[in-house]
């Protein structure tokens, strides 16, 4: 009984470790004191941008929640909004952290003007009686640029899923959900009203849940039941902060690139900053929803080798797996379609009845279904000729098959595939029997080398 109990503990522990034991073993068990707010992953990047020659005075009247989205619940929704209504304050904090901007108060401008009127009124009375030479109240700063925009989208449940299993009273499950917010930020010139720059940033919000349980009778009238689990939700406020900070970073760098403002740094440092941003922007433009990164990957020419097993399906019983080796070349007409030719050396065997070596030449048209991703299924079909080692017999054949390829780098890919070869006679195993022609199968692993630059979707080399 104790051995089984230890197995249960081990299973539950493994499940917790796989799902992130940090959240589980840091459960709150006491009241925490107030502390300074957390930084996001972008905050440090924003602070490390080279300083400007002259900080830009900007005004932010309102950075609004434009989603109109209420917080979703299992029963529908509540009157509580899905995202924070204090995005203006978050934006001003990001502007201060960057050291690139001097934000001035505009959100509650009426309060500021009212207080200045009180100061003027008080000084006027004071000046009459005690200090007639007191200076006037200095004028307010005015902004050369106004920052506008807002949180324009909150999409809930863009991905949901989970996994669970139960066996002999032991079970566990995990669930996840992903939401997404979208932020737009634009800079407007106060002298001309021209929109100088607009940037767009999105950020996902992840929620995860894990539970594990045990339910079993350990002996007569003795029931053991245990359950544990946790739920982890990414704070929406931190997600909004990170998105706004990333928008400010993008606005600064794109403004440097377009010479809207000057940076106090060496030309090499500026070029490096802009170059890194261009690479990041290019990756973002080639990344679709759900973090699927699309890229021109496979070049026009490639060489491949394959190794695996062959299995005959002929007139004898008890076929056996034997060796198979193949080498060939590919030529891509576009990222989806290529033509390949190969030479195949293999052996076909039936137990105690037939064993012989063969050579085959084949030409195939191959379709790659997901050419812009690292992993892609493919299908092929074509014609060929198969000969025995002595070249005494030859036969035409049709072949077709499919597989999956994974690119471990821009030039090297590995693949696993299976193919069926339909020989156009019934004498491959030296016996003609029945109405069906002979055939054989290949199961192989392959290594692909790609040469040159990737082929773009329109067929022009990138």
Protein backbone atom coordinates (compact mmCIF):
# COMPACT_ATOMS: atom_id res chain seq x y z
CA UNK A 1 0.00 0.00 0.00
CA UNK A 2 2.82 2.39 0.84
CA UNK A 3 4.48 1.79 -2.53
CA UNK A 4 1.28 2.78 -4.29
CA UNK A 5 0.93 5.84 -2.09
CA UNK A 6 4.46 6.96 -2.99
CA UNK A 7 3.65 6.51 -6.69
CA UNK A 8 0.65 8.80 -6.26
CA UNK A 9 2.79 11.45 -4.60
CA UNK A 10 5.36 11.16 -7.40
CA UNK A 11 2.72 11.56 -10.12
CA UNK A 12 1.20 14.63 -8.48
CA UNK A 13 4.64 16.16 -7.94
CA UNK A 14 5.59 15.64 -11.60
CA UNK A 15 2.37 17.25 -12.75
CA UNK A 16 3.04 20.30 -10.60
CA UNK A 17 6.62 20.59 -11.81
CA UNK A 18 5.61 20.39 -15.45
CA UNK A 19 3.05 23.16 -15.04
CA UNK A 20 5.20 25.62 -13.13
CA UNK A 21 5.98 24.75 -9.52
CA UNK A 22 6.98 28.35 -8.80
CA UNK A 23 3.36 29.46 -8.57
CA UNK A 24 2.42 26.43 -6.49
CA UNK A 25 5.17 26.67 -3.88
CA UNK A 26 4.79 30.44 -3.48
CA UNK A 27 1.21 30.44 -2.30
CA UNK A 28 0.23 33.45 -0.15
CA UNK A 29 -0.18 32.39 3.47
CA UNK A 30 0.06 35.75 5.19
CA UNK A 31 -0.87 39.39 4.67
CA UNK A 32 1.66 41.25 2.56
CA UNK A 33 2.71 44.86 3.02
CA UNK A 34 2.53 47.49 0.32
CA UNK A 35 5.50 47.64 -1.99
CA UNK A 36 6.68 49.56 -5.02
CA UNK A 37 4.99 48.40 -8.19
CA UNK A 38 6.58 45.83 -10.45
CA UNK A 39 8.45 46.68 -13.62
CA UNK A 40 7.58 44.94 -16.85
CA UNK A 41 10.05 43.35 -19.25
CA UNK A 42 9.99 46.51 -21.38
CA UNK A 43 10.57 49.00 -18.56
CA UNK A 44 14.34 48.39 -18.39
CA UNK A 45 14.64 48.57 -22.18
CA UNK A 46 12.81 51.91 -22.16
CA UNK A 47 15.13 53.31 -19.50
CA UNK A 48 18.26 52.22 -21.40
CA UNK A 49 17.47 54.03 -24.65
CA UNK A 50 20.20 56.65 -25.32
CA UNK A 51 19.11 60.10 -24.09
CA UNK A 52 17.81 62.84 -26.40
CA UNK A 53 19.62 66.03 -27.30
CA UNK A 54 16.63 67.95 -25.93
CA UNK A 55 13.60 66.34 -24.21
CA UNK A 56 10.31 66.92 -26.03
CA UNK A 57 7.47 68.65 -24.16
CA UNK A 58 4.32 66.59 -24.74
CA UNK A 59 0.75 66.82 -23.60
CA UNK A 60 -1.56 63.86 -22.97
CA UNK A 61 -5.18 64.88 -22.64
CA UNK A 62 -6.71 61.41 -22.52
CA UNK A 63 -5.45 57.94 -23.35
CA UNK A 64 -8.79 56.20 -23.28
CA UNK A 65 -10.13 52.69 -23.03
CA UNK A 66 -11.91 52.56 -26.39
CA UNK A 67 -12.82 48.88 -26.24
CA UNK A 68 -16.20 49.17 -24.52
CA UNK A 69 -15.40 45.71 -23.19
CA UNK A 70 -16.70 44.50 -19.83
CA UNK A 71 -14.95 41.88 -17.76
CA UNK A 72 -16.07 38.40 -18.89
CA UNK A 73 -17.27 35.87 -16.32
CA UNK A 74 -18.62 32.34 -16.50
CA UNK A 75 -22.14 33.74 -16.16
CA UNK A 76 -21.68 36.36 -18.90
CA UNK A 77 -20.19 39.74 -18.00
CA UNK A 78 -20.22 42.29 -15.23
CA UNK A 79 -20.30 46.09 -15.19
CA UNK A 80 -16.60 46.09 -14.36
CA UNK A 81 -14.45 47.00 -17.36
CA UNK A 82 -12.03 44.45 -18.79
CA UNK A 83 -9.05 46.84 -18.83
CA UNK A 84 -7.91 49.66 -16.60
CA UNK A 85 -9.39 53.15 -16.98
CA UNK A 86 -6.11 54.71 -15.81
CA UNK A 87 -4.18 54.23 -19.04
CA UNK A 88 -3.34 57.96 -19.17
CA UNK A 89 -1.43 57.70 -15.89
CA UNK A 90 0.41 54.61 -17.16
CA UNK A 91 1.41 56.45 -20.34
CA UNK A 92 2.72 59.48 -18.41
CA UNK A 93 4.80 57.16 -16.20
CA UNK A 94 6.26 55.50 -19.31
CA UNK A 95 7.11 58.91 -20.79
CA UNK A 96 8.92 59.86 -17.57
CA UNK A 97 10.85 56.57 -17.46
CA UNK A 98 12.13 57.06 -20.99
CA UNK A 99 13.70 60.48 -20.14
CA UNK A 100 12.80 61.48 -23.72
CA UNK A 101 9.70 63.52 -22.91
CA UNK A 102 8.60 66.21 -20.51
CA UNK A 103 4.91 65.43 -19.93
CA UNK A 104 2.72 68.33 -18.83
CA UNK A 105 -0.61 68.13 -17.05
CA UNK A 106 -3.51 68.12 -19.46
CA UNK A 107 -5.85 65.35 -18.26
CA UNK A 108 -7.14 67.46 -15.36
CA UNK A 109 -6.32 70.85 -16.83
CA UNK A 110 -9.40 72.48 -15.30
CA UNK A 111 -8.13 71.66 -11.80
CA UNK A 112 -4.75 73.18 -12.63
CA UNK A 113 -6.27 76.36 -14.06
CA UNK A 114 -8.61 76.71 -11.11
CA UNK A 115 -5.69 76.43 -8.67
CA UNK A 116 -3.72 79.04 -10.60
CA UNK A 117 -6.69 81.40 -10.41
CA UNK A 118 -6.75 80.91 -6.64
CA UNK A 119 -3.04 81.73 -6.49
CA UNK A 120 -3.54 84.90 -8.56
CA UNK A 121 -6.46 86.01 -6.42
CA UNK A 122 -4.53 85.44 -3.19
CA UNK A 123 -1.43 87.21 -4.46
CA UNK A 124 -3.51 90.14 -5.64
CA UNK A 125 -4.93 90.68 -2.18
CA UNK A 126 -1.54 90.11 -0.56
CA UNK A 127 0.14 92.54 -2.94
CA UNK A 128 -2.22 95.39 -2.02
CA UNK A 129 -1.40 95.24 1.66
CA UNK A 130 2.07 93.83 2.14
CA UNK A 131 4.16 93.24 -0.97
CA UNK A 132 3.32 95.38 -3.99
CA UNK A 133 6.46 94.19 -5.87
CA UNK A 134 5.69 90.45 -5.81
CA UNK A 135 6.32 88.89 -9.31
CA UNK A 136 3.56 87.57 -11.49
CA UNK A 137 2.73 83.86 -11.70
CA UNK A 138 4.91 82.30 -14.45
CA UNK A 139 3.14 81.09 -17.59
CA UNK A 140 2.27 77.44 -18.19
CA UNK A 141 4.41 75.28 -20.44
CA UNK A 142 2.82 74.48 -23.79
CA UNK A 143 3.31 71.25 -25.70
CA UNK A 144 4.97 70.97 -29.08
CA UNK A 145 3.47 67.51 -29.50
CA UNK A 146 0.21 65.96 -28.29
CA UNK A 147 0.08 62.20 -27.76
CA UNK A 148 -3.25 60.63 -28.66
CA UNK A 149 -4.60 57.11 -29.01
CA UNK A 150 -5.87 54.51 -26.60
CA UNK A 151 -6.59 50.87 -25.91
CA UNK A 152 -8.57 50.02 -29.01
CA UNK A 153 -9.24 46.31 -28.54
CA UNK A 154 -9.65 43.65 -25.89
CA UNK A 155 -10.22 40.18 -27.37
CA UNK A 156 -11.04 37.49 -24.85
CA UNK A 157 -10.57 33.75 -25.32
CA UNK A 158 -8.59 33.96 -28.55
CA UNK A 159 -7.09 30.59 -27.54
CA UNK A 160 -8.54 28.16 -25.01
CA UNK A 161 -7.62 24.57 -24.35
CA UNK A 162 -6.53 22.00 -21.87
CA UNK A 163 -5.42 18.47 -21.19
CA UNK A 164 -6.44 15.87 -18.65
CA UNK A 165 -6.21 12.19 -17.82
CA UNK A 166 -7.50 9.83 -15.15
CA UNK A 167 -6.52 6.25 -14.41
CA UNK A 168 -7.41 4.00 -11.49
CA UNK A 169 -8.55 6.89 -9.32
CA UNK A 170 -5.56 9.11 -10.11
CA UNK A 171 -6.12 12.12 -12.35
CA UNK A 172 -5.02 15.56 -13.28
CA UNK A 173 -5.88 18.29 -15.75
CA UNK A 174 -4.66 21.62 -16.98
CA UNK A 175 -6.48 24.44 -18.75
CA UNK A 176 -5.36 27.68 -20.32
CA UNK A 177 -6.88 30.76 -21.86
CA UNK A 178 -5.32 33.63 -23.75
CA UNK A 179 -6.75 37.15 -24.18
CA UNK A 180 -5.25 40.01 -26.16
CA UNK A 181 -5.17 43.79 -25.88
CA UNK A 182 -4.22 46.24 -28.64
CA UNK A 183 -2.82 49.74 -28.15
CA UNK A 184 -2.41 52.55 -30.67
CA UNK A 185 -0.28 55.66 -29.97
CA UNK A 186 0.17 58.65 -32.25
CA UNK A 187 2.16 61.89 -32.06
CA UNK A 188 0.46 65.05 -33.36
CA UNK A 189 2.22 68.35 -34.06
CA UNK A 190 0.51 71.24 -32.24
CA UNK A 191 1.81 73.80 -34.75
CA UNK A 192 0.38 72.15 -37.87
CA UNK A 193 -1.93 69.39 -36.64
CA UNK A 194 0.04 66.89 -38.71
CA UNK A 195 0.17 63.31 -37.42
CA UNK A 196 3.91 62.73 -37.19
CA UNK A 197 3.94 59.03 -36.31
CA UNK A 198 1.54 56.23 -35.38
CA UNK A 199 2.58 52.98 -33.69
CA UNK A 200 0.61 49.84 -32.89
CA UNK A 201 1.36 47.25 -30.20
CA UNK A 202 -0.48 44.13 -29.06
CA UNK A 203 0.02 42.05 -25.92
CA UNK A 204 -1.47 38.72 -24.89
CA UNK A 205 -2.77 37.95 -21.39
CA UNK A 206 -2.37 34.36 -20.24
CA UNK A 207 -4.46 32.48 -17.67
CA UNK A 208 -3.58 28.95 -16.56
CA UNK A 209 -5.14 26.41 -14.21
CA UNK A 210 -3.82 23.08 -12.94
CA UNK A 211 -5.38 20.50 -10.68
CA UNK A 212 -4.43 16.99 -9.60
CA UNK A 213 -6.51 14.57 -7.55
CA UNK A 214 -6.49 11.08 -6.10
CA UNK A 215 -9.56 9.03 -5.22
CA UNK A 216 -9.26 5.41 -4.15
CA UNK A 217 -10.27 2.83 -1.56
CA UNK A 218 -7.01 1.81 0.07
CA UNK A 219 -8.67 -0.94 2.10
CA UNK A 220 -12.13 -2.05 3.12
CA UNK A 221 -14.24 0.96 4.16
CA UNK A 222 -11.19 3.20 3.97
CA UNK A 223 -11.28 5.90 1.29
CA UNK A 224 -8.28 8.09 0.49
CA UNK A 225 -9.05 11.30 -1.36
CA UNK A 226 -6.65 14.14 -2.11
CA UNK A 227 -6.86 17.18 -4.35
CA UNK A 228 -4.60 20.10 -5.13
CA UNK A 229 -4.18 22.73 -7.80
CA UNK A 230 -3.73 26.38 -8.58
CA UNK A 231 -4.80 29.05 -11.06
CA UNK A 232 -2.45 31.70 -12.41
CA UNK A 233 -3.73 34.83 -14.19
CA UNK A 234 -1.47 37.43 -15.76
CA UNK A 235 -2.52 40.85 -14.36
CA UNK A 236 -4.30 42.90 -17.00
CA UNK A 237 -2.80 46.12 -15.60
CA UNK A 238 0.76 44.84 -16.16
CA UNK A 239 -0.16 43.73 -19.67
CA UNK A 240 -1.53 47.21 -20.44
CA UNK A 241 1.60 48.81 -18.94
CA UNK A 242 3.90 46.63 -21.03
CA UNK A 243 1.97 47.38 -24.21
CA UNK A 244 2.04 51.15 -23.56
CA UNK A 245 5.76 51.10 -22.72
CA UNK A 246 6.47 49.16 -25.90
CA UNK A 247 4.46 51.75 -27.84
CA UNK A 248 6.54 54.58 -26.33
CA UNK A 249 9.76 52.72 -27.18
CA UNK A 250 8.59 52.23 -30.78
CA UNK A 251 7.57 55.89 -31.04
CA UNK A 252 11.01 57.04 -29.88
CA UNK A 253 12.99 54.79 -32.24
CA UNK A 254 10.81 55.45 -35.27
CA UNK A 255 11.05 59.18 -34.51
CA UNK A 256 14.86 58.89 -34.46
CA UNK A 257 14.77 57.02 -37.77
CA UNK A 258 12.55 59.69 -39.36
CA UNK A 259 14.61 62.50 -37.78
CA UNK A 260 11.68 63.89 -35.80
CA UNK A 261 14.04 64.30 -32.85
CA UNK A 262 17.77 63.91 -32.21
CA UNK A 263 19.57 61.43 -29.97
CA UNK A 264 22.70 62.05 -27.94
CA UNK A 265 24.78 59.03 -29.01
CA UNK A 266 27.48 57.95 -31.43
CA UNK A 267 26.40 57.13 -35.01
CA UNK A 268 27.35 53.46 -34.50
CA UNK A 269 25.11 53.24 -31.46
CA UNK A 270 22.23 54.91 -33.31
CA UNK A 271 22.59 52.57 -36.30
CA UNK A 272 22.66 49.56 -33.98
CA UNK A 273 19.52 50.76 -32.18
CA UNK A 274 17.61 51.34 -35.41
CA UNK A 275 18.92 48.10 -36.95
CA UNK A 276 17.78 45.99 -33.99
CA UNK A 277 14.38 47.65 -34.11
CA UNK A 278 14.03 46.96 -37.84
CA UNK A 279 14.80 43.28 -37.27
CA UNK A 280 12.22 43.12 -34.49
CA UNK A 281 9.65 44.93 -36.64
CA UNK A 282 10.29 42.62 -39.59
CA UNK A 283 9.75 39.58 -37.36
CA UNK A 284 6.55 41.12 -36.01
CA UNK A 285 5.24 41.80 -39.52
CA UNK A 286 5.93 38.18 -40.47
CA UNK A 287 4.30 36.78 -37.35
CA UNK A 288 0.62 36.02 -37.67
CA UNK A 289 -1.91 35.53 -34.90
CA UNK A 290 -1.09 32.81 -32.33
CA UNK A 291 2.67 33.58 -32.68
CA UNK A 292 3.02 31.78 -36.00
CA UNK A 293 6.18 33.18 -37.55
CA UNK A 294 6.06 33.25 -41.36
CA UNK A 295 9.35 33.52 -43.21
CA UNK A 296 10.73 32.73 -46.66
CA UNK A 297 12.66 29.63 -45.64
CA UNK A 298 13.47 27.01 -48.28
CA UNK A 299 15.90 27.87 -51.07
CA UNK A 300 15.44 26.91 -54.71
CA UNK A 301 17.93 24.02 -54.69
CA UNK A 302 18.49 21.26 -52.15
CA UNK A 303 20.12 17.85 -51.74
CA UNK A 304 18.66 15.15 -49.52
CA UNK A 305 19.60 11.73 -48.19
CA UNK A 306 17.26 9.24 -46.56
CA UNK A 307 17.74 6.05 -44.62
CA UNK A 308 15.21 3.59 -43.32
CA UNK A 309 13.49 0.32 -44.03
CA UNK A 310 11.66 -1.31 -46.95
CA UNK A 311 8.81 -3.82 -46.80
CA UNK A 312 7.48 -5.85 -49.73
CA UNK A 313 3.84 -6.63 -50.36
CA UNK A 314 3.92 -9.34 -53.00
CA UNK A 315 2.94 -12.94 -53.58
CA UNK A 316 4.85 -14.52 -50.67
CA UNK A 317 3.82 -14.49 -47.02
CA UNK A 318 5.79 -13.20 -44.02
CA UNK A 319 7.48 -10.07 -45.44
CA UNK A 320 10.40 -8.72 -43.41
CA UNK A 321 11.73 -5.21 -42.87
CA UNK A 322 15.05 -4.61 -44.62
CA UNK A 323 17.33 -1.65 -45.31
CA UNK A 324 16.68 1.27 -47.67
CA UNK A 325 18.94 4.18 -48.62
CA UNK A 326 18.17 7.10 -50.94
CA UNK A 327 19.88 10.22 -52.27
CA UNK A 328 18.40 12.93 -54.47
CA UNK A 329 17.99 16.59 -55.42
CA UNK A 330 15.08 19.06 -55.30
CA UNK A 331 14.21 22.13 -57.34
CA UNK A 332 11.59 24.55 -55.97
CA UNK A 333 9.40 26.39 -58.47
CA UNK A 334 7.79 28.32 -55.58
CA UNK A 335 7.66 27.81 -51.81
CA UNK A 336 4.83 25.28 -52.18
CA UNK A 337 5.83 23.13 -55.15
CA UNK A 338 9.06 21.39 -56.06
CA UNK A 339 10.27 18.67 -58.42
CA UNK A 340 12.71 16.08 -57.09
CA UNK A 341 14.65 13.14 -58.47
CA UNK A 342 16.33 10.39 -56.46
CA UNK A 343 18.23 7.08 -56.59
CA UNK A 344 17.15 4.40 -54.12
CA UNK A 345 19.03 1.25 -53.02
CA UNK A 346 17.04 -1.26 -50.98
CA UNK A 347 16.39 -4.93 -50.31
CA UNK A 348 13.10 -6.86 -50.27
CA UNK A 349 12.71 -10.06 -48.28
CA UNK A 350 10.10 -12.69 -47.45
CA UNK A 351 11.00 -15.12 -44.71
CA UNK A 352 12.53 -18.34 -46.14
CA UNK A 353 11.10 -17.58 -49.57
CA UNK A 354 12.60 -14.55 -51.26
CA UNK A 355 15.42 -12.05 -50.76
CA UNK A 356 16.91 -9.76 -53.36
CA UNK A 357 18.48 -6.33 -53.72
CA UNK A 358 17.01 -3.61 -55.90
CA UNK A 359 17.79 -0.19 -57.34
CA UNK A 360 15.19 2.43 -58.23
CA UNK A 361 15.10 5.83 -59.89
CA UNK A 362 12.16 8.11 -59.22
CA UNK A 363 10.88 11.56 -60.17
CA UNK A 364 8.27 13.23 -57.94
CA UNK A 365 6.23 16.39 -57.68
CA UNK A 366 6.11 17.44 -54.03
CA UNK A 367 3.73 19.81 -52.26
CA UNK A 368 4.84 21.57 -49.04
CA UNK A 369 1.74 22.65 -47.12
CA UNK A 370 3.26 25.17 -44.67
CA UNK A 371 6.38 26.49 -46.43
CA UNK A 372 6.76 29.61 -44.24
CA UNK A 373 6.92 27.74 -40.93
CA UNK A 374 9.65 25.61 -39.38
CA UNK A 375 7.58 22.46 -39.34
CA UNK A 376 5.50 21.47 -42.34
CA UNK A 377 3.78 18.35 -43.67
CA UNK A 378 4.35 17.46 -47.31
CA UNK A 379 2.92 15.09 -49.92
CA UNK A 380 4.46 13.78 -53.11
CA UNK A 381 3.74 11.54 -56.06
CA UNK A 382 5.51 10.51 -59.23
CA UNK A 383 6.86 7.79 -61.50
CA UNK A 384 10.02 5.72 -61.63
CA UNK A 385 11.84 2.56 -62.67
CA UNK A 386 12.93 -0.31 -60.42
CA UNK A 387 15.64 -2.90 -61.29
CA UNK A 388 17.18 -5.83 -59.49
CA UNK A 389 20.89 -5.69 -58.66
CA UNK A 390 21.81 -7.70 -61.77
CA UNK A 391 19.60 -5.51 -64.00
CA UNK A 392 17.98 -8.66 -65.36
CA UNK A 393 14.46 -7.35 -64.78
CA UNK A 394 13.10 -3.81 -64.93
CA UNK A 395 9.65 -2.42 -64.24
CA UNK A 396 7.94 0.93 -64.23
CA UNK A 397 6.26 2.06 -61.05
CA UNK A 398 4.13 4.80 -59.54
CA UNK A 399 4.85 6.08 -56.07
CA UNK A 400 3.18 8.42 -53.61
CA UNK A 401 3.60 9.31 -49.97
CA UNK A 402 3.93 11.99 -47.37
CA UNK A 403 5.73 13.10 -44.28
CA UNK A 404 6.79 15.95 -42.02
CA UNK A 405 9.87 18.16 -42.23
CA UNK A 406 11.39 20.27 -39.45
CA UNK A 407 13.94 22.99 -40.22
CA UNK A 408 16.62 23.03 -37.52
CA UNK A 409 18.28 26.00 -39.30
CA UNK A 410 17.84 28.06 -42.45
CA UNK A 411 19.88 25.52 -44.44
CA UNK A 412 19.25 22.15 -42.79
CA UNK A 413 16.02 20.22 -42.30
CA UNK A 414 15.16 16.77 -41.01
CA UNK A 415 12.18 14.77 -42.23
CA UNK A 416 10.24 11.59 -41.60
CA UNK A 417 8.22 10.08 -44.42
CA UNK A 418 6.49 6.99 -45.72
CA UNK A 419 5.88 6.03 -49.35
CA UNK A 420 4.08 3.31 -51.29
CA UNK A 421 5.49 2.09 -54.60
CA UNK A 422 3.10 0.43 -57.08
CA UNK A 423 5.06 -1.73 -59.52
CA UNK A 424 3.42 -2.20 -62.92
CA UNK A 425 3.96 -5.98 -63.05
CA UNK A 426 3.66 -9.00 -60.77
CA UNK A 427 7.22 -10.33 -61.15
CA UNK A 428 9.14 -8.24 -58.63
CA UNK A 429 9.45 -11.27 -56.30
CA UNK A 430 10.06 -13.63 -59.26
CA UNK A 431 6.61 -15.14 -59.10
CA UNK A 432 3.36 -14.12 -60.79
CA UNK A 433 0.33 -15.07 -58.78
CA UNK A 434 -3.10 -13.50 -58.36
CA UNK A 435 -4.51 -10.39 -59.99
CA UNK A 436 -2.67 -7.72 -57.96
CA UNK A 437 0.71 -6.37 -59.02
CA UNK A 438 3.58 -6.33 -56.56
CA UNK A 439 4.28 -3.29 -54.41
CA UNK A 440 6.57 -2.21 -51.59
CA UNK A 441 6.76 0.45 -48.87
CA UNK A 442 9.56 2.70 -47.66
CA UNK A 443 9.76 4.15 -44.12
CA UNK A 444 12.64 6.57 -43.74
CA UNK A 445 14.25 9.50 -41.97
CA UNK A 446 15.89 12.18 -44.09
CA UNK A 447 18.36 15.04 -43.92
CA UNK A 448 17.96 17.99 -46.31
CA UNK A 449 20.55 20.61 -47.28
CA UNK A 450 19.31 23.89 -48.83
CA UNK A 451 21.55 26.14 -50.92
CA UNK A 452 21.13 29.80 -51.82
CA UNK A 453 18.57 32.38 -50.80
CA UNK A 454 14.93 31.52 -49.97
CA UNK A 455 12.30 31.57 -52.69
CA UNK A 456 9.55 34.13 -52.12
CA UNK A 457 5.88 33.44 -52.64
CA UNK A 458 5.88 34.95 -56.12
CA UNK A 459 8.76 32.70 -57.14
CA UNK A 460 11.42 35.43 -57.09
CA UNK A 461 14.45 34.75 -54.91
CA UNK A 462 14.49 36.93 -51.79
